[in-house]
Amino acid sequence: MNRYFVKYAGAVVGQKERRKYLFTGFSGEEAEADAEVATLFNLLFMYNVWQCKLARKIPSFLTVGKNMLTIFDNIVSVSKRLQDTVDTDMSVACREWRDRHGRG
């Protein structure tokens, strides 16, 4: 969980801010432009951890990240609006997606 926050949340340090970021996609008082993508990525992270718990596996952080990006690919391919957002957003998740698709 700590590696996830370091990689995707950046400056979110306190436990209260981490919970807020995990469920809303932003840690400050107002939503940032990438809150929608951050919330989606948080849900995908929790979903992958839940799947691993059901399968009684202890995955590596890289495995969870790869699974998150695969599901994220499928979601983005369905929504033109989300694809436009991901093409221009500067969050870590969006940059990884662009690098994966050669749009970096």
PDB file of N, CA and C in Angstrom:
ATOM      1  N   MET A   1       0.815  -1.190   0.000  1.00  0.00           N
ATOM      2  CA  MET A   1       0.000   0.000   0.000  1.00  0.00           C
ATOM      3  C   MET A   1       0.862   1.260   0.000  1.00  0.00           C
ATOM      4  N   ASN A   2       1.956   1.230   0.764  1.00  0.00           N
ATOM      5  CA  ASN A   2       2.830   2.400   0.815  1.00  0.00           C
ATOM      6  C   ASN A   2       3.469   2.686  -0.538  1.00  0.00           C
ATOM      7  N   ARG A   3       3.882   1.622  -1.251  1.00  0.00           N
ATOM      8  CA  ARG A   3       4.477   1.822  -2.574  1.00  0.00           C
ATOM      9  C   ARG A   3       3.477   2.438  -3.535  1.00  0.00           C
ATOM     10  N   TYR A   4       2.225   2.050  -3.396  1.00  0.00           N
ATOM     11  CA  TYR A   4       1.184   2.615  -4.260  1.00  0.00           C
ATOM     12  C   TYR A   4       1.058   4.115  -4.022  1.00  0.00           C
ATOM     13  N   PHE A   5       1.003   4.519  -2.768  1.00  0.00           N
ATOM     14  CA  PHE A   5       0.876   5.944  -2.449  1.00  0.00           C
ATOM     15  C   PHE A   5       2.109   6.736  -2.890  1.00  0.00           C
ATOM     16  N   VAL A   6       3.287   6.163  -2.706  1.00  0.00           N
ATOM     17  CA  VAL A   6       4.498   6.866  -3.123  1.00  0.00           C
ATOM     18  C   VAL A   6       4.498   7.075  -4.638  1.00  0.00           C
ATOM     19  N   LYS A   7       4.092   6.051  -5.372  1.00  0.00           N
ATOM     20  CA  LYS A   7       4.149   6.142  -6.828  1.00  0.00           C
ATOM     21  C   LYS A   7       3.030   6.999  -7.412  1.00  0.00           C
ATOM     22  N   TYR A   8       1.795   6.811  -6.955  1.00  0.00           N
ATOM     23  CA  TYR A   8       0.650   7.447  -7.608  1.00  0.00           C
ATOM     24  C   TYR A   8       0.113   8.682  -6.888  1.00  0.00           C
ATOM     25  N   ALA A   9       0.303   8.776  -5.583  1.00  0.00           N
ATOM     26  CA  ALA A   9      -0.276   9.903  -4.850  1.00  0.00           C
ATOM     27  C   ALA A   9       0.726  11.018  -4.597  1.00  0.00           C
ATOM     28  N   GLY A  10       1.994  10.719  -4.647  1.00  0.00           N
ATOM     29  CA  GLY A  10       3.006  11.757  -4.475  1.00  0.00           C
ATOM     30  C   GLY A  10       3.092  12.294  -3.058  1.00  0.00           C
ATOM     31  N   ALA A  11       2.599  13.497  -2.838  1.00  0.00           N
ATOM     32  CA  ALA A  11       2.799  14.211  -1.569  1.00  0.00           C
ATOM     33  C   ALA A  11       1.776  13.868  -0.492  1.00  0.00           C
ATOM     34  N   VAL A  12       0.950  12.877  -0.686  1.00  0.00           N
ATOM     35  CA  VAL A  12      -0.051  12.508   0.323  1.00  0.00           C
ATOM     36  C   VAL A  12       0.673  11.767   1.442  1.00  0.00           C
ATOM     37  N   VAL A  13       0.739  12.377   2.636  1.00  0.00           N
ATOM     38  CA  VAL A  13       1.543  11.800   3.707  1.00  0.00           C
ATOM     39  C   VAL A  13       0.732  11.269   4.879  1.00  0.00           C
ATOM     40  N   GLY A  14      -0.202  12.016   5.362  1.00  0.00           N
ATOM     41  CA  GLY A  14      -0.939  11.607   6.552  1.00  0.00           C
ATOM     42  C   GLY A  14      -1.961  10.519   6.261  1.00  0.00           C
ATOM     43  N   GLN A  15      -2.302   9.764   7.310  1.00  0.00           N
ATOM     44  CA  GLN A  15      -3.274   8.674   7.164  1.00  0.00           C
ATOM     45  C   GLN A  15      -4.636   9.202   6.717  1.00  0.00           C
ATOM     46  N   LYS A  16      -5.035  10.329   7.262  1.00  0.00           N
ATOM     47  CA  LYS A  16      -6.324  10.918   6.897  1.00  0.00           C
ATOM     48  C   LYS A  16      -6.327  11.338   5.420  1.00  0.00           C
ATOM     49  N   GLU A  17      -5.229  11.942   4.972  1.00  0.00           N
ATOM     50  CA  GLU A  17      -5.119  12.354   3.570  1.00  0.00           C
ATOM     51  C   GLU A  17      -5.067  11.151   2.642  1.00  0.00           C
ATOM     52  N   ARG A  18      -4.413  10.081   3.089  1.00  0.00           N
ATOM     53  CA  ARG A  18      -4.342   8.861   2.267  1.00  0.00           C
ATOM     54  C   ARG A  18      -5.732   8.263   2.070  1.00  0.00           C
ATOM     55  N   ARG A  19      -6.502   8.189   3.139  1.00  0.00           N
ATOM     56  CA  ARG A  19      -7.866   7.657   3.009  1.00  0.00           C
ATOM     57  C   ARG A  19      -8.707   8.522   2.086  1.00  0.00           C
ATOM     58  N   LYS A  20      -8.572   9.833   2.243  1.00  0.00           N
ATOM     59  CA  LYS A  20      -9.326  10.746   1.387  1.00  0.00           C
ATOM     60  C   LYS A  20      -8.923  10.573  -0.071  1.00  0.00           C
ATOM     61  N   TYR A  21      -7.613  10.454  -0.327  1.00  0.00           N
ATOM     62  CA  TYR A  21      -7.141  10.260  -1.699  1.00  0.00           C
ATOM     63  C   TYR A  21      -7.632   8.932  -2.267  1.00  0.00           C
ATOM     64  N   LEU A  22      -7.606   7.892  -1.457  1.00  0.00           N
ATOM     65  CA  LEU A  22      -7.996   6.568  -1.923  1.00  0.00           C
ATOM     66  C   LEU A  22      -9.460   6.528  -2.356  1.00  0.00           C
ATOM     67  N   PHE A  23     -10.329   7.242  -1.641  1.00  0.00           N
ATOM     68  CA  PHE A  23     -11.751   7.168  -1.955  1.00  0.00           C
ATOM     69  C   PHE A  23     -12.276   8.308  -2.814  1.00  0.00           C
ATOM     70  N   THR A  24     -11.550   9.426  -2.903  1.00  0.00           N
ATOM     71  CA  THR A  24     -12.047  10.548  -3.695  1.00  0.00           C
ATOM     72  C   THR A  24     -11.146  10.927  -4.858  1.00  0.00           C
ATOM     73  N   GLY A  25      -9.878  10.535  -4.828  1.00  0.00           N
ATOM     74  CA  GLY A  25      -8.959  10.872  -5.893  1.00  0.00           C
ATOM     75  C   GLY A  25      -8.218  12.176  -5.680  1.00  0.00           C
ATOM     76  N   PHE A  26      -8.483  12.880  -4.589  1.00  0.00           N
ATOM     77  CA  PHE A  26      -7.739  14.097  -4.280  1.00  0.00           C
ATOM     78  C   PHE A  26      -7.537  14.195  -2.783  1.00  0.00           C
ATOM     79  N   SER A  27      -6.486  14.909  -2.405  1.00  0.00           N
ATOM     80  CA  SER A  27      -6.154  14.985  -0.982  1.00  0.00           C
ATOM     81  C   SER A  27      -6.346  16.370  -0.393  1.00  0.00           C
ATOM     82  N   GLY A  28      -6.441  17.388  -1.234  1.00  0.00           N
ATOM     83  CA  GLY A  28      -6.614  18.748  -0.752  1.00  0.00           C
ATOM     84  C   GLY A  28      -8.081  19.074  -0.523  1.00  0.00           C
ATOM     85  N   GLU A  29      -8.378  20.351  -0.466  1.00  0.00           N
ATOM     86  CA  GLU A  29      -9.748  20.788  -0.255  1.00  0.00           C
ATOM     87  C   GLU A  29     -10.580  20.720  -1.534  1.00  0.00           C
ATOM     88  N   GLU A  30      -9.929  20.908  -2.667  1.00  0.00           N
ATOM     89  CA  GLU A  30     -10.644  20.892  -3.934  1.00  0.00           C
ATOM     90  C   GLU A  30     -10.113  19.781  -4.822  1.00  0.00           C
ATOM     91  N   ALA A  31     -10.975  19.293  -5.707  1.00  0.00           N
ATOM     92  CA  ALA A  31     -10.571  18.238  -6.628  1.00  0.00           C
ATOM     93  C   ALA A  31      -9.628  18.797  -7.690  1.00  0.00           C
ATOM     94  N   GLU A  32      -8.564  18.046  -7.950  1.00  0.00           N
ATOM     95  CA  GLU A  32      -7.662  18.413  -9.020  1.00  0.00           C
ATOM     96  C   GLU A  32      -8.249  17.936 -10.343  1.00  0.00           C
ATOM     97  N   ALA A  33      -7.621  18.323 -11.436  1.00  0.00           N
ATOM     98  CA  ALA A  33      -8.117  17.953 -12.761  1.00  0.00           C
ATOM     99  C   ALA A  33      -8.073  16.442 -12.980  1.00  0.00           C
ATOM    100  N   ASP A  34      -7.124  15.762 -12.354  1.00  0.00           N
ATOM    101  CA  ASP A  34      -6.988  14.320 -12.579  1.00  0.00           C
ATOM    102  C   ASP A  34      -7.678  13.466 -11.511  1.00  0.00           C
ATOM    103  N   ALA A  35      -8.602  14.034 -10.758  1.00  0.00           N
ATOM    104  CA  ALA A  35      -9.272  13.288  -9.684  1.00  0.00           C
ATOM    105  C   ALA A  35     -10.069  12.114 -10.232  1.00  0.00           C
ATOM    106  N   GLU A  36     -10.670  12.279 -11.405  1.00  0.00           N
ATOM    107  CA  GLU A  36     -11.448  11.193 -12.006  1.00  0.00           C
ATOM    108  C   GLU A  36     -10.547  10.003 -12.336  1.00  0.00           C
ATOM    109  N   VAL A  37      -9.422  10.273 -12.946  1.00  0.00           N
ATOM    110  CA  VAL A  37      -8.489   9.211 -13.313  1.00  0.00           C
ATOM    111  C   VAL A  37      -7.885   8.596 -12.050  1.00  0.00           C
ATOM    112  N   ALA A  38      -7.557   9.419 -11.063  1.00  0.00           N
ATOM    113  CA  ALA A  38      -6.982   8.915  -9.812  1.00  0.00           C
ATOM    114  C   ALA A  38      -7.971   8.006  -9.088  1.00  0.00           C
ATOM    115  N   THR A  39      -9.234   8.393  -9.054  1.00  0.00           N
ATOM    116  CA  THR A  39     -10.247   7.559  -8.409  1.00  0.00           C
ATOM    117  C   THR A  39     -10.400   6.235  -9.137  1.00  0.00           C
ATOM    118  N   LEU A  40     -10.416   6.282 -10.454  1.00  0.00           N
ATOM    119  CA  LEU A  40     -10.509   5.059 -11.249  1.00  0.00           C
ATOM    120  C   LEU A  40      -9.315   4.155 -10.984  1.00  0.00           C
ATOM    121  N   PHE A  41      -8.128   4.726 -10.941  1.00  0.00           N
ATOM    122  CA  PHE A  41      -6.931   3.928 -10.682  1.00  0.00           C
ATOM    123  C   PHE A  41      -6.950   3.365  -9.266  1.00  0.00           C
ATOM    124  N   ASN A  42      -7.448   4.124  -8.296  1.00  0.00           N
ATOM    125  CA  ASN A  42      -7.562   3.621  -6.924  1.00  0.00           C
ATOM    126  C   ASN A  42      -8.513   2.433  -6.861  1.00  0.00           C
ATOM    127  N   LEU A  43      -9.626   2.532  -7.562  1.00  0.00           N
ATOM    128  CA  LEU A  43     -10.580   1.415  -7.602  1.00  0.00           C
ATOM    129  C   LEU A  43      -9.956   0.184  -8.244  1.00  0.00           C
ATOM    130  N   LEU A  44      -9.212   0.389  -9.305  1.00  0.00           N
ATOM    131  CA  LEU A  44      -8.548  -0.741  -9.959  1.00  0.00           C
ATOM    132  C   LEU A  44      -7.508  -1.372  -9.041  1.00  0.00           C
ATOM    133  N   PHE A  45      -6.798  -0.555  -8.275  1.00  0.00           N
ATOM    134  CA  PHE A  45      -5.823  -1.078  -7.321  1.00  0.00           C
ATOM    135  C   PHE A  45      -6.518  -1.945  -6.269  1.00  0.00           C
ATOM    136  N   MET A  46      -7.577  -1.413  -5.679  1.00  0.00           N
ATOM    137  CA  MET A  46      -8.287  -2.165  -4.642  1.00  0.00           C
ATOM    138  C   MET A  46      -8.914  -3.440  -5.223  1.00  0.00           C
ATOM    139  N   TYR A  47      -9.420  -3.369  -6.453  1.00  0.00           N
ATOM    140  CA  TYR A  47      -9.998  -4.534  -7.119  1.00  0.00           C
ATOM    141  C   TYR A  47      -8.947  -5.621  -7.325  1.00  0.00           C
ATOM    142  N   ASN A  48      -7.748  -5.232  -7.762  1.00  0.00           N
ATOM    143  CA  ASN A  48      -6.689  -6.219  -7.970  1.00  0.00           C
ATOM    144  C   ASN A  48      -6.223  -6.843  -6.669  1.00  0.00           C
ATOM    145  N   VAL A  49      -6.124  -6.051  -5.628  1.00  0.00           N
ATOM    146  CA  VAL A  49      -5.751  -6.604  -4.316  1.00  0.00           C
ATOM    147  C   VAL A  49      -6.829  -7.568  -3.837  1.00  0.00           C
ATOM    148  N   TRP A  50      -8.091  -7.215  -4.044  1.00  0.00           N
ATOM    149  CA  TRP A  50      -9.208  -8.081  -3.649  1.00  0.00           C
ATOM    150  C   TRP A  50      -9.163  -9.399  -4.418  1.00  0.00           C
ATOM    151  N   GLN A  51      -8.890  -9.347  -5.729  1.00  0.00           N
ATOM    152  CA  GLN A  51      -8.794 -10.566  -6.525  1.00  0.00           C
ATOM    153  C   GLN A  51      -7.678 -11.468  -6.017  1.00  0.00           C
ATOM    154  N   CYS A  52      -6.560 -10.891  -5.663  1.00  0.00           N
ATOM    155  CA  CYS A  52      -5.446 -11.682  -5.145  1.00  0.00           C
ATOM    156  C   CYS A  52      -5.779 -12.307  -3.793  1.00  0.00           C
ATOM    157  N   LYS A  53      -6.514 -11.567  -2.970  1.00  0.00           N
ATOM    158  CA  LYS A  53      -6.923 -12.127  -1.680  1.00  0.00           C
ATOM    159  C   LYS A  53      -7.858 -13.313  -1.886  1.00  0.00           C
ATOM    160  N   LEU A  54      -8.769 -13.209  -2.851  1.00  0.00           N
ATOM    161  CA  LEU A  54      -9.679 -14.325  -3.135  1.00  0.00           C
ATOM    162  C   LEU A  54      -8.916 -15.554  -3.619  1.00  0.00           C
ATOM    163  N   ALA A  55      -7.882 -15.327  -4.393  1.00  0.00           N
ATOM    164  CA  ALA A  55      -7.084 -16.429  -4.919  1.00  0.00           C
ATOM    165  C   ALA A  55      -5.998 -16.881  -3.942  1.00  0.00           C
ATOM    166  N   ARG A  56      -5.937 -16.229  -2.790  1.00  0.00           N
ATOM    167  CA  ARG A  56      -4.947 -16.527  -1.742  1.00  0.00           C
ATOM    168  C   ARG A  56      -3.526 -16.427  -2.286  1.00  0.00           C
ATOM    169  N   LYS A  57      -3.279 -15.357  -3.035  1.00  0.00           N
ATOM    170  CA  LYS A  57      -1.959 -15.095  -3.586  1.00  0.00           C
ATOM    171  C   LYS A  57      -1.404 -13.819  -2.963  1.00  0.00           C
ATOM    172  N   ILE A  58      -0.106 -13.754  -2.888  1.00  0.00           N
ATOM    173  CA  ILE A  58       0.557 -12.530  -2.453  1.00  0.00           C
ATOM    174  C   ILE A  58       1.292 -11.997  -3.677  1.00  0.00           C
ATOM    175  N   PRO A  59       0.685 -11.021  -4.359  1.00  0.00           N
ATOM    176  CA  PRO A  59       1.288 -10.539  -5.604  1.00  0.00           C
ATOM    177  C   PRO A  59       2.392  -9.515  -5.339  1.00  0.00           C
ATOM    178  N   SER A  60       3.239  -9.348  -6.317  1.00  0.00           N
ATOM    179  CA  SER A  60       4.217  -8.265  -6.221  1.00  0.00           C
ATOM    180  C   SER A  60       3.532  -6.973  -6.651  1.00  0.00           C
ATOM    181  N   PHE A  61       4.152  -5.861  -6.311  1.00  0.00           N
ATOM    182  CA  PHE A  61       3.596  -4.560  -6.699  1.00  0.00           C
ATOM    183  C   PHE A  61       3.570  -4.430  -8.222  1.00  0.00           C
ATOM    184  N   LEU A  62       4.563  -4.978  -8.893  1.00  0.00           N
ATOM    185  CA  LEU A  62       4.608  -4.921 -10.356  1.00  0.00           C
ATOM    186  C   LEU A  62       3.471  -5.710 -10.993  1.00  0.00           C
ATOM    187  N   THR A  63       3.116  -6.846 -10.417  1.00  0.00           N
ATOM    188  CA  THR A  63       2.005  -7.644 -10.936  1.00  0.00           C
ATOM    189  C   THR A  63       0.696  -6.886 -10.810  1.00  0.00           C
ATOM    190  N   VAL A  64       0.467  -6.287  -9.667  1.00  0.00           N
ATOM    191  CA  VAL A  64      -0.750  -5.497  -9.464  1.00  0.00           C
ATOM    192  C   VAL A  64      -0.776  -4.312 -10.426  1.00  0.00           C
ATOM    193  N   GLY A  65       0.364  -3.646 -10.601  1.00  0.00           N
ATOM    194  CA  GLY A  65       0.440  -2.517 -11.527  1.00  0.00           C
ATOM    195  C   GLY A  65       0.150  -2.926 -12.959  1.00  0.00           C
ATOM    196  N   LYS A  66       0.679  -4.062 -13.372  1.00  0.00           N
ATOM    197  CA  LYS A  66       0.433  -4.562 -14.729  1.00  0.00           C
ATOM    198  C   LYS A  66      -1.040  -4.887 -14.921  1.00  0.00           C
ATOM    199  N   ASN A  67      -1.647  -5.536 -13.934  1.00  0.00           N
ATOM    200  CA  ASN A  67      -3.076  -5.862 -14.021  1.00  0.00           C
ATOM    201  C   ASN A  67      -3.930  -4.600 -14.057  1.00  0.00           C
ATOM    202  N   MET A  68      -3.542  -3.592 -13.277  1.00  0.00           N
ATOM    203  CA  MET A  68      -4.283  -2.326 -13.271  1.00  0.00           C
ATOM    204  C   MET A  68      -4.229  -1.677 -14.649  1.00  0.00           C
ATOM    205  N   LEU A  69      -3.053  -1.644 -15.265  1.00  0.00           N
ATOM    206  CA  LEU A  69      -2.929  -1.027 -16.579  1.00  0.00           C
ATOM    207  C   LEU A  69      -3.691  -1.798 -17.655  1.00  0.00           C
ATOM    208  N   THR A  70      -3.746  -3.120 -17.534  1.00  0.00           N
ATOM    209  CA  THR A  70      -4.501  -3.917 -18.504  1.00  0.00           C
ATOM    210  C   THR A  70      -5.988  -3.597 -18.424  1.00  0.00           C
ATOM    211  N   ILE A  71      -6.533  -3.538 -17.239  1.00  0.00           N
ATOM    212  CA  ILE A  71      -7.946  -3.193 -17.084  1.00  0.00           C
ATOM    213  C   ILE A  71      -8.185  -1.743 -17.490  1.00  0.00           C
ATOM    214  N   PHE A  72      -7.257  -0.865 -17.148  1.00  0.00           N
ATOM    215  CA  PHE A  72      -7.351   0.542 -17.529  1.00  0.00           C
ATOM    216  C   PHE A  72      -7.374   0.688 -19.056  1.00  0.00           C
ATOM    217  N   ASP A  73      -6.562  -0.115 -19.758  1.00  0.00           N
ATOM    218  CA  ASP A  73      -6.580  -0.116 -21.228  1.00  0.00           C
ATOM    219  C   ASP A  73      -7.968  -0.414 -21.761  1.00  0.00           C
ATOM    220  N   ASN A  74      -8.600  -1.421 -21.192  1.00  0.00           N
ATOM    221  CA  ASN A  74      -9.936  -1.812 -21.647  1.00  0.00           C
ATOM    222  C   ASN A  74     -10.968  -0.716 -21.387  1.00  0.00           C
ATOM    223  N   ILE A  75     -10.866  -0.074 -20.248  1.00  0.00           N
ATOM    224  CA  ILE A  75     -11.811   0.994 -19.909  1.00  0.00           C
ATOM    225  C   ILE A  75     -11.625   2.192 -20.830  1.00  0.00           C
ATOM    226  N   VAL A  76     -10.379   2.566 -21.055  1.00  0.00           N
ATOM    227  CA  VAL A  76     -10.096   3.730 -21.900  1.00  0.00           C
ATOM    228  C   VAL A  76     -10.492   3.473 -23.348  1.00  0.00           C
ATOM    229  N   SER A  77     -10.344   2.245 -23.806  1.00  0.00           N
ATOM    230  CA  SER A  77     -10.691   1.945 -25.197  1.00  0.00           C
ATOM    231  C   SER A  77     -12.193   2.045 -25.454  1.00  0.00           C
ATOM    232  N   VAL A  78     -12.986   1.995 -24.420  1.00  0.00           N
ATOM    233  CA  VAL A  78     -14.443   2.068 -24.569  1.00  0.00           C
ATOM    234  C   VAL A  78     -14.949   3.508 -24.541  1.00  0.00           C
ATOM    235  N   SER A  79     -14.259   4.396 -23.851  1.00  0.00           N
ATOM    236  CA  SER A  79     -14.736   5.760 -23.648  1.00  0.00           C
ATOM    237  C   SER A  79     -13.854   6.775 -24.375  1.00  0.00           C
ATOM    238  N   LYS A  80     -14.406   7.459 -25.347  1.00  0.00           N
ATOM    239  CA  LYS A  80     -13.672   8.490 -26.087  1.00  0.00           C
ATOM    240  C   LYS A  80     -13.336   9.674 -25.178  1.00  0.00           C
ATOM    241  N   ARG A  81     -14.255  10.064 -24.310  1.00  0.00           N
ATOM    242  CA  ARG A  81     -14.018  11.185 -23.394  1.00  0.00           C
ATOM    243  C   ARG A  81     -12.874  10.872 -22.439  1.00  0.00           C
ATOM    244  N   LEU A  82     -12.853   9.665 -21.899  1.00  0.00           N
ATOM    245  CA  LEU A  82     -11.775   9.273 -21.000  1.00  0.00           C
ATOM    246  C   LEU A  82     -10.455   9.175 -21.761  1.00  0.00           C
ATOM    247  N   GLN A  83     -10.494   8.730 -22.998  1.00  0.00           N
ATOM    248  CA  GLN A  83      -9.282   8.657 -23.803  1.00  0.00           C
ATOM    249  C   GLN A  83      -8.701  10.052 -24.047  1.00  0.00           C
ATOM    250  N   ASP A  84      -9.558  11.028 -24.306  1.00  0.00           N
ATOM    251  CA  ASP A  84      -9.095  12.404 -24.470  1.00  0.00           C
ATOM    252  C   ASP A  84      -8.483  12.943 -23.179  1.00  0.00           C
ATOM    253  N   THR A  85      -9.094  12.603 -22.053  1.00  0.00           N
ATOM    254  CA  THR A  85      -8.570  13.028 -20.757  1.00  0.00           C
ATOM    255  C   THR A  85      -7.198  12.418 -20.493  1.00  0.00           C
ATOM    256  N   VAL A  86      -7.068  11.138 -20.753  1.00  0.00           N
ATOM    257  CA  VAL A  86      -5.819  10.432 -20.492  1.00  0.00           C
ATOM    258  C   VAL A  86      -4.709  10.915 -21.430  1.00  0.00           C
ATOM    259  N   ASP A  87      -5.069  11.300 -22.650  1.00  0.00           N
ATOM    260  CA  ASP A  87      -4.075  11.802 -23.599  1.00  0.00           C
ATOM    261  C   ASP A  87      -3.438  13.106 -23.154  1.00  0.00           C
ATOM    262  N   THR A  88      -4.165  13.912 -22.372  1.00  0.00           N
ATOM    263  CA  THR A  88      -3.642  15.228 -21.988  1.00  0.00           C
ATOM    264  C   THR A  88      -3.253  15.340 -20.518  1.00  0.00           C
ATOM    265  N   ASP A  89      -3.686  14.427 -19.677  1.00  0.00           N
ATOM    266  CA  ASP A  89      -3.422  14.517 -18.238  1.00  0.00           C
ATOM    267  C   ASP A  89      -1.964  14.180 -17.929  1.00  0.00           C
ATOM    268  N   MET A  90      -1.428  14.778 -16.875  1.00  0.00           N
ATOM    269  CA  MET A  90      -0.027  14.581 -16.516  1.00  0.00           C
ATOM    270  C   MET A  90       0.168  13.699 -15.283  1.00  0.00           C
ATOM    271  N   SER A  91      -0.856  12.979 -14.853  1.00  0.00           N
ATOM    272  CA  SER A  91      -0.695  12.103 -13.693  1.00  0.00           C
ATOM    273  C   SER A  91       0.179  10.909 -14.068  1.00  0.00           C
ATOM    274  N   VAL A  92       0.698  10.238 -13.059  1.00  0.00           N
ATOM    275  CA  VAL A  92       1.585   9.099 -13.274  1.00  0.00           C
ATOM    276  C   VAL A  92       0.855   7.990 -14.032  1.00  0.00           C
ATOM    277  N   ALA A  93      -0.386   7.728 -13.684  1.00  0.00           N
ATOM    278  CA  ALA A  93      -1.160   6.674 -14.340  1.00  0.00           C
ATOM    279  C   ALA A  93      -1.330   6.966 -15.827  1.00  0.00           C
ATOM    280  N   CYS A  94      -1.615   8.205 -16.161  1.00  0.00           N
ATOM    281  CA  CYS A  94      -1.815   8.583 -17.565  1.00  0.00           C
ATOM    282  C   CYS A  94      -0.509   8.529 -18.341  1.00  0.00           C
ATOM    283  N   ARG A  95       0.583   8.936 -17.706  1.00  0.00           N
ATOM    284  CA  ARG A  95       1.884   8.865 -18.384  1.00  0.00           C
ATOM    285  C   ARG A  95       2.271   7.420 -18.645  1.00  0.00           C
ATOM    286  N   GLU A  96       2.005   6.528 -17.687  1.00  0.00           N
ATOM    287  CA  GLU A  96       2.282   5.107 -17.903  1.00  0.00           C
ATOM    288  C   GLU A  96       1.456   4.561 -19.053  1.00  0.00           C
ATOM    289  N   TRP A  97       0.192   4.960 -19.126  1.00  0.00           N
ATOM    290  CA  TRP A  97      -0.680   4.502 -20.198  1.00  0.00           C
ATOM    291  C   TRP A  97      -0.170   4.991 -21.556  1.00  0.00           C
ATOM    292  N   ARG A  98       0.241   6.267 -21.624  1.00  0.00           N
ATOM    293  CA  ARG A  98       0.763   6.812 -22.888  1.00  0.00           C
ATOM    294  C   ARG A  98       2.066   6.126 -23.277  1.00  0.00           C
ATOM    295  N   ASP A  99       2.939   5.856 -22.314  1.00  0.00           N
ATOM    296  CA  ASP A  99       4.186   5.154 -22.612  1.00  0.00           C
ATOM    297  C   ASP A  99       3.910   3.741 -23.125  1.00  0.00           C
ATOM    298  N   ARG A 100       2.924   3.109 -22.556  1.00  0.00           N
ATOM    299  CA  ARG A 100       2.570   1.753 -22.956  1.00  0.00           C
ATOM    300  C   ARG A 100       2.038   1.715 -24.387  1.00  0.00           C
ATOM    301  N   HIS A 101       1.392   2.802 -24.805  1.00  0.00           N
ATOM    302  CA  HIS A 101       0.808   2.842 -26.144  1.00  0.00           C
ATOM    303  C   HIS A 101       1.615   3.684 -27.126  1.00  0.00           C
ATOM    304  N   GLY A 102       2.800   4.090 -26.732  1.00  0.00           N
ATOM    305  CA  GLY A 102       3.664   4.841 -27.631  1.00  0.00           C
ATOM    306  C   GLY A 102       3.184   6.231 -27.941  1.00  0.00           C
ATOM    307  N   ARG A 103       2.434   6.829 -27.027  1.00  0.00           N
ATOM    308  CA  ARG A 103       1.923   8.181 -27.231  1.00  0.00           C
ATOM    309  C   ARG A 103       2.667   9.184 -26.374  1.00  0.00           C
ATOM    310  N   GLY A 104       3.719   8.725 -25.692  1.00  0.00           N
ATOM    311  CA  GLY A 104       4.448   9.510 -24.717  1.00  0.00           C
ATOM    312  C   GLY A 104       5.065  10.743 -25.212  1.00  0.00           C
TER     313      GLY A 104
END
